[in-house]
Amino acid sequence: MVVNAAQLASYSQAKQMLLSTAYFNDNIACHFWASMISGLITTAASMPVDIAKTRIQNMKTIDGKPEYKGAFDVLGKVIRNEGLFALWKGFTPYYARLGPHTVLTFIFLEQMNKSYRLYVLKDSSGGGGL
């Protein structure tokens, strides 16, 4: 849920921001860079949630009690014991996986939207989209 919300919102905002400059038109280059920005923001937003999920999945039982009480307990213990930035350990490999995924997702989506507008709606203006 966090990944989808962050991807969709940040892609739209990044694309709008890039199109407002004199350097970008609504083409694949713009979609690529907006996707890379979106992937970066999505990685930063989703990593703490992923850290909590992974630690809960791998938690041990200590004296018959689970190591963590829930996601907020995980986050609190990680921050207290390892520091705030421990929530983003492994940022680079995570982004190396999520960045290309985001780029491919949005480039395919933009191209499919363009084809739909052109061939189904018979709209050759090229405007609109995400």
C-alpha atoms as a PDB file:
ATOM      1  CA  MET A   1       0.000   0.000   0.000  1.00  0.00           C
ATOM      2  CA  VAL A   2       2.805   2.404   0.892  1.00  0.00           C
ATOM      3  CA  VAL A   3       4.689   1.599  -2.323  1.00  0.00           C
ATOM      4  CA  ASN A   4       1.660   2.189  -4.541  1.00  0.00           C
ATOM      5  CA  ALA A   5       0.640   5.402  -2.798  1.00  0.00           C
ATOM      6  CA  ALA A   6       4.178   6.798  -2.897  1.00  0.00           C
ATOM      7  CA  GLN A   7       4.763   5.730  -6.518  1.00  0.00           C
ATOM      8  CA  LEU A   8       1.562   7.149  -7.949  1.00  0.00           C
ATOM      9  CA  ALA A   9       1.639  10.445  -6.071  1.00  0.00           C
ATOM     10  CA  SER A  10       5.342  11.126  -6.528  1.00  0.00           C
ATOM     11  CA  TYR A  11       5.316  10.160 -10.227  1.00  0.00           C
ATOM     12  CA  SER A  12       2.499  12.581 -10.989  1.00  0.00           C
ATOM     13  CA  GLN A  13       4.179  15.371  -9.052  1.00  0.00           C
ATOM     14  CA  ALA A  14       7.620  14.705 -10.553  1.00  0.00           C
ATOM     15  CA  LYS A  15       6.213  14.611 -14.078  1.00  0.00           C
ATOM     16  CA  GLN A  16       4.303  17.849 -13.502  1.00  0.00           C
ATOM     17  CA  MET A  17       7.432  19.481 -12.070  1.00  0.00           C
ATOM     18  CA  LEU A  18       9.604  18.343 -15.005  1.00  0.00           C
ATOM     19  CA  LEU A  19       7.052  19.475 -17.580  1.00  0.00           C
ATOM     20  CA  SER A  20       6.978  22.934 -15.991  1.00  0.00           C
ATOM     21  CA  THR A  21      10.659  23.399 -16.909  1.00  0.00           C
ATOM     22  CA  ALA A  22      11.887  24.361 -20.360  1.00  0.00           C
ATOM     23  CA  TYR A  23      13.962  21.174 -20.588  1.00  0.00           C
ATOM     24  CA  PHE A  24      11.270  18.492 -20.818  1.00  0.00           C
ATOM     25  CA  ASN A  25       8.358  17.657 -23.101  1.00  0.00           C
ATOM     26  CA  ASP A  26       5.787  14.908 -22.497  1.00  0.00           C
ATOM     27  CA  ASN A  27       7.939  12.110 -23.933  1.00  0.00           C
ATOM     28  CA  ILE A  28       9.830   9.005 -22.814  1.00  0.00           C
ATOM     29  CA  ALA A  29      12.752  11.024 -21.430  1.00  0.00           C
ATOM     30  CA  CYS A  30      10.393  12.934 -19.150  1.00  0.00           C
ATOM     31  CA  HIS A  31       8.670   9.692 -18.111  1.00  0.00           C
ATOM     32  CA  PHE A  32      12.047   8.084 -17.371  1.00  0.00           C
ATOM     33  CA  TRP A  33      13.259  10.895 -15.111  1.00  0.00           C
ATOM     34  CA  ALA A  34       9.900  11.278 -13.374  1.00  0.00           C
ATOM     35  CA  SER A  35       9.953   7.525 -12.730  1.00  0.00           C
ATOM     36  CA  MET A  36      13.475   7.632 -11.309  1.00  0.00           C
ATOM     37  CA  ILE A  37      12.471  10.450  -8.954  1.00  0.00           C
ATOM     38  CA  SER A  38       9.361   8.502  -8.010  1.00  0.00           C
ATOM     39  CA  GLY A  39      11.431   5.381  -7.326  1.00  0.00           C
ATOM     40  CA  LEU A  40      13.731   7.361  -5.043  1.00  0.00           C
ATOM     41  CA  ILE A  41      10.825   8.797  -3.050  1.00  0.00           C
ATOM     42  CA  THR A  42       9.064   5.428  -2.949  1.00  0.00           C
ATOM     43  CA  THR A  43      12.199   3.740  -1.628  1.00  0.00           C
ATOM     44  CA  ALA A  44      12.564   6.321   1.138  1.00  0.00           C
ATOM     45  CA  ALA A  45       8.885   6.042   2.098  1.00  0.00           C
ATOM     46  CA  SER A  46       8.584   2.259   2.034  1.00  0.00           C
ATOM     47  CA  MET A  47      11.838   1.118   3.623  1.00  0.00           C
ATOM     48  CA  PRO A  48      10.811   1.675   7.277  1.00  0.00           C
ATOM     49  CA  VAL A  49       7.647  -0.354   6.666  1.00  0.00           C
ATOM     50  CA  ASP A  50       9.666  -3.077   4.945  1.00  0.00           C
ATOM     51  CA  ILE A  51      12.211  -3.138   7.806  1.00  0.00           C
ATOM     52  CA  ALA A  52       9.371  -3.607  10.324  1.00  0.00           C
ATOM     53  CA  LYS A  53       7.750  -6.345   8.229  1.00  0.00           C
ATOM     54  CA  THR A  54      11.006  -8.230   7.766  1.00  0.00           C
ATOM     55  CA  ARG A  55      11.925  -8.049  11.452  1.00  0.00           C
ATOM     56  CA  ILE A  56       8.479  -9.287  12.470  1.00  0.00           C
ATOM     57  CA  GLN A  57       8.760 -12.178  10.015  1.00  0.00           C
ATOM     58  CA  ASN A  58      12.183 -13.136  11.395  1.00  0.00           C
ATOM     59  CA  MET A  59      11.548 -12.463  15.093  1.00  0.00           C
ATOM     60  CA  LYS A  60      12.562 -14.936  17.724  1.00  0.00           C
ATOM     61  CA  THR A  61      10.765 -16.037  20.849  1.00  0.00           C
ATOM     62  CA  ILE A  62      12.625 -15.053  24.018  1.00  0.00           C
ATOM     63  CA  ASP A  63      11.576 -16.886  27.212  1.00  0.00           C
ATOM     64  CA  GLY A  64       8.277 -17.836  25.583  1.00  0.00           C
ATOM     65  CA  LYS A  65       7.493 -14.239  24.527  1.00  0.00           C
ATOM     66  CA  PRO A  66       7.774 -12.812  21.024  1.00  0.00           C
ATOM     67  CA  GLU A  67      10.640 -10.389  20.487  1.00  0.00           C
ATOM     68  CA  TYR A  68       8.302  -7.619  19.234  1.00  0.00           C
ATOM     69  CA  LYS A  69       4.711  -6.621  20.045  1.00  0.00           C
ATOM     70  CA  GLY A  70       4.030  -5.102  16.639  1.00  0.00           C
ATOM     71  CA  ALA A  71       5.321  -2.836  13.894  1.00  0.00           C
ATOM     72  CA  PHE A  72       5.574   0.269  16.087  1.00  0.00           C
ATOM     73  CA  ASP A  73       7.501  -1.713  18.691  1.00  0.00           C
ATOM     74  CA  VAL A  74       9.947  -2.807  15.975  1.00  0.00           C
ATOM     75  CA  LEU A  75      10.408   0.777  14.776  1.00  0.00           C
ATOM     76  CA  GLY A  76      10.913   2.045  18.318  1.00  0.00           C
ATOM     77  CA  LYS A  77      13.481  -0.627  19.171  1.00  0.00           C
ATOM     78  CA  VAL A  78      15.361  -0.161  15.901  1.00  0.00           C
ATOM     79  CA  ILE A  79      15.582   3.603  16.417  1.00  0.00           C
ATOM     80  CA  ARG A  80      16.548   3.221  20.085  1.00  0.00           C
ATOM     81  CA  ASN A  81      19.173   0.494  19.556  1.00  0.00           C
ATOM     82  CA  GLU A  82      20.533   1.237  16.063  1.00  0.00           C
ATOM     83  CA  GLY A  83      19.650   4.867  15.374  1.00  0.00           C
ATOM     84  CA  LEU A  84      17.104   6.574  13.138  1.00  0.00           C
ATOM     85  CA  PHE A  85      18.994   5.933   9.894  1.00  0.00           C
ATOM     86  CA  ALA A  86      18.925   2.173  10.507  1.00  0.00           C
ATOM     87  CA  LEU A  87      15.403   2.325   9.058  1.00  0.00           C
ATOM     88  CA  TRP A  88      17.043   2.919   5.691  1.00  0.00           C
ATOM     89  CA  LYS A  89      19.780   0.262   5.847  1.00  0.00           C
ATOM     90  CA  GLY A  90      20.221  -1.237   2.405  1.00  0.00           C
ATOM     91  CA  PHE A  91      18.809   1.827   0.624  1.00  0.00           C
ATOM     92  CA  THR A  92      21.009   1.420  -2.468  1.00  0.00           C
ATOM     93  CA  PRO A  93      20.128  -2.220  -3.289  1.00  0.00           C
ATOM     94  CA  TYR A  94      16.466  -1.536  -2.524  1.00  0.00           C
ATOM     95  CA  TYR A  95      16.488   1.422  -4.925  1.00  0.00           C
ATOM     96  CA  ALA A  96      18.431  -0.638  -7.495  1.00  0.00           C
ATOM     97  CA  ARG A  97      15.473  -3.053  -7.471  1.00  0.00           C
ATOM     98  CA  LEU A  98      12.633  -0.557  -7.149  1.00  0.00           C
ATOM     99  CA  GLY A  99      13.988   2.125  -9.536  1.00  0.00           C
ATOM    100  CA  PRO A 100      13.900  -0.008 -12.713  1.00  0.00           C
ATOM    101  CA  HIS A 101      10.562  -1.506 -11.661  1.00  0.00           C
ATOM    102  CA  THR A 102       9.092   1.990 -11.354  1.00  0.00           C
ATOM    103  CA  VAL A 103      10.611   3.136 -14.647  1.00  0.00           C
ATOM    104  CA  LEU A 104       9.250   0.171 -16.582  1.00  0.00           C
ATOM    105  CA  THR A 105       5.838   0.425 -14.931  1.00  0.00           C
ATOM    106  CA  PHE A 106       5.307   4.072 -15.787  1.00  0.00           C
ATOM    107  CA  ILE A 107       6.882   4.025 -19.244  1.00  0.00           C
ATOM    108  CA  PHE A 108       4.626   1.095 -20.209  1.00  0.00           C
ATOM    109  CA  LEU A 109       1.629   2.841 -18.649  1.00  0.00           C
ATOM    110  CA  GLU A 110       2.310   6.102 -20.485  1.00  0.00           C
ATOM    111  CA  GLN A 111       2.783   4.299 -23.810  1.00  0.00           C
ATOM    112  CA  MET A 112      -0.415   2.288 -23.320  1.00  0.00           C
ATOM    113  CA  ASN A 113      -2.321   5.477 -22.433  1.00  0.00           C
ATOM    114  CA  LYS A 114      -0.921   7.160 -25.545  1.00  0.00           C
ATOM    115  CA  SER A 115      -1.974   4.208 -27.730  1.00  0.00           C
ATOM    116  CA  TYR A 116      -5.428   4.127 -26.131  1.00  0.00           C
ATOM    117  CA  ARG A 117      -5.948   7.844 -26.760  1.00  0.00           C
ATOM    118  CA  LEU A 118      -4.717   7.532 -30.345  1.00  0.00           C
ATOM    119  CA  TYR A 119      -6.370   4.295 -31.498  1.00  0.00           C
ATOM    120  CA  VAL A 120      -9.478   3.987 -29.334  1.00  0.00           C
ATOM    121  CA  LEU A 121     -10.429   7.586 -28.607  1.00  0.00           C
ATOM    122  CA  LYS A 122      -9.078   8.840 -31.981  1.00  0.00           C
ATOM    123  CA  ASP A 123      -7.397  11.710 -30.145  1.00  0.00           C
ATOM    124  CA  SER A 124      -4.117  12.643 -31.805  1.00  0.00           C
ATOM    125  CA  SER A 125      -3.517  15.771 -29.708  1.00  0.00           C
ATOM    126  CA  GLY A 126      -1.055  13.877 -27.476  1.00  0.00           C
ATOM    127  CA  GLY A 127      -2.191  15.690 -24.347  1.00  0.00           C
ATOM    128  CA  GLY A 128      -3.413  14.280 -21.090  1.00  0.00           C
ATOM    129  CA  GLY A 129      -2.222  11.300 -19.138  1.00  0.00           C
ATOM    130  CA  LEU A 130      -0.938  10.929 -15.619  1.00  0.00           C
END
